Protein backbone atom coordinates (compact mmCIF):
# COMPACT_ATOMS: atom_id res chain seq x y z
CA UNK A 1 -193.93 -34.37 -121.11
CA UNK A 2 -191.78 -36.04 -123.73
CA UNK A 3 -194.25 -34.98 -126.43
CA UNK A 4 -193.95 -31.33 -125.34
CA UNK A 5 -190.16 -31.50 -125.50
CA UNK A 6 -190.34 -33.10 -128.95
CA UNK A 7 -192.70 -30.38 -130.20
CA UNK A 8 -190.37 -27.69 -128.87
CA UNK A 9 -187.33 -29.30 -130.53
CA UNK A 10 -189.21 -29.51 -133.84
CA UNK A 11 -190.13 -25.83 -133.46
CA UNK A 12 -186.50 -24.92 -132.84
CA UNK A 13 -185.36 -26.84 -135.94
CA UNK A 14 -188.07 -25.30 -138.14
CA UNK A 15 -187.28 -21.84 -136.73
CA UNK A 16 -183.60 -22.32 -137.45
CA UNK A 17 -184.22 -23.11 -141.11
CA UNK A 18 -186.82 -20.36 -141.59
CA UNK A 19 -185.03 -17.66 -139.59
CA UNK A 20 -184.34 -15.51 -142.65
CA UNK A 21 -187.93 -15.49 -143.96
CA UNK A 22 -189.20 -12.06 -142.82
CA UNK A 23 -192.85 -12.75 -143.70
CA UNK A 24 -192.96 -15.81 -141.43
CA UNK A 25 -191.20 -13.89 -138.65
CA UNK A 26 -193.77 -11.07 -138.93
CA UNK A 27 -196.71 -13.49 -138.79
CA UNK A 28 -195.10 -15.35 -135.89
CA UNK A 29 -194.70 -12.10 -133.93
CA UNK A 30 -198.38 -11.25 -134.46
CA UNK A 31 -199.48 -14.75 -133.39
CA UNK A 32 -197.26 -14.61 -130.31
CA UNK A 33 -198.65 -11.22 -129.27
CA UNK A 34 -202.22 -12.39 -129.84
CA UNK A 35 -201.61 -15.55 -127.83
CA UNK A 36 -200.21 -13.55 -124.91
CA UNK A 37 -203.25 -11.24 -124.93
CA UNK A 38 -205.58 -14.25 -125.00
CA UNK A 39 -203.75 -15.91 -122.10
CA UNK A 40 -203.90 -12.69 -120.06
CA UNK A 41 -207.63 -12.39 -120.75
CA UNK A 42 -208.28 -16.00 -119.72
CA UNK A 43 -206.19 -15.50 -116.57
CA UNK A 44 -208.15 -12.34 -115.72
CA UNK A 45 -211.42 -14.16 -116.33
CA UNK A 46 -210.33 -16.98 -114.05
CA UNK A 47 -209.48 -14.49 -111.30
CA UNK A 48 -212.75 -12.61 -111.80
CA UNK A 49 -215.00 -15.65 -111.45
CA UNK A 50 -213.32 -16.92 -108.28
CA UNK A 51 -215.24 -15.40 -105.36
CA UNK A 52 -212.47 -16.15 -102.87
CA UNK A 53 -209.93 -14.16 -104.87
CA UNK A 54 -212.34 -11.30 -105.52
CA UNK A 55 -213.28 -10.98 -101.85
CA UNK A 56 -209.58 -10.90 -100.83
CA UNK A 57 -208.44 -8.81 -103.79
CA UNK A 58 -206.93 -5.91 -101.83
CA UNK A 59 -205.16 -8.16 -99.33
CA UNK A 60 -203.67 -10.21 -102.16
CA UNK A 61 -202.75 -6.99 -103.97
CA UNK A 62 -200.76 -5.72 -100.98
CA UNK A 63 -198.91 -9.03 -100.77
CA UNK A 64 -198.23 -8.97 -104.51
CA UNK A 65 -196.84 -5.43 -104.38
CA UNK A 66 -194.56 -6.28 -101.46
CA UNK A 67 -193.34 -9.43 -103.18
CA UNK A 68 -192.67 -7.50 -106.40
CA UNK A 69 -190.74 -4.76 -104.62
CA UNK A 70 -188.67 -7.34 -102.73
CA UNK A 71 -187.93 -9.30 -105.92
CA UNK A 72 -186.85 -6.20 -107.86
CA UNK A 73 -184.75 -4.88 -104.97
CA UNK A 74 -183.08 -8.27 -104.52
CA UNK A 75 -182.36 -8.55 -108.24
CA UNK A 76 -180.85 -5.07 -108.39
CA UNK A 77 -178.75 -5.74 -105.30
CA UNK A 78 -177.33 -9.03 -106.58
CA UNK A 79 -176.69 -7.65 -110.07
CA UNK A 80 -174.66 -4.84 -108.51
CA UNK A 81 -172.71 -7.28 -106.33
CA UNK A 82 -171.94 -9.59 -109.26
CA UNK A 83 -171.15 -6.63 -111.53
CA UNK A 84 -168.61 -5.24 -109.04
CA UNK A 85 -167.05 -8.63 -108.40
CA UNK A 86 -166.71 -9.89 -111.97
CA UNK A 87 -166.98 -6.94 -114.38
CA UNK A 88 -165.29 -3.96 -112.75
C-alpha cells in the first residue's frame, strides 16, 4: 500500500513539472483512454466467463438499473437541497 502511495506521489510531482509540455499531455491522454478501454474489456471478459453471472444477467441488470436510478435521484435531490441552503 505504501508503495502505491509513493508511486502516486512521484506521478503527481512529475506531472506538476511537466504540466506545460503539450506533447506529453497528448500522449498521456491517449494512454489513459487506451487503459480504460482495456480495463473495460477485461471486466466484460470476466463477467462473460462467469456462468453464475451470465445465468442471472437479467436479474442483476434489473437490480443495477434500480440502483442507478436511486443513486442519480438521490444525488440530484441532495444537490438541490445544498444549493438552496448555501448558494441561493
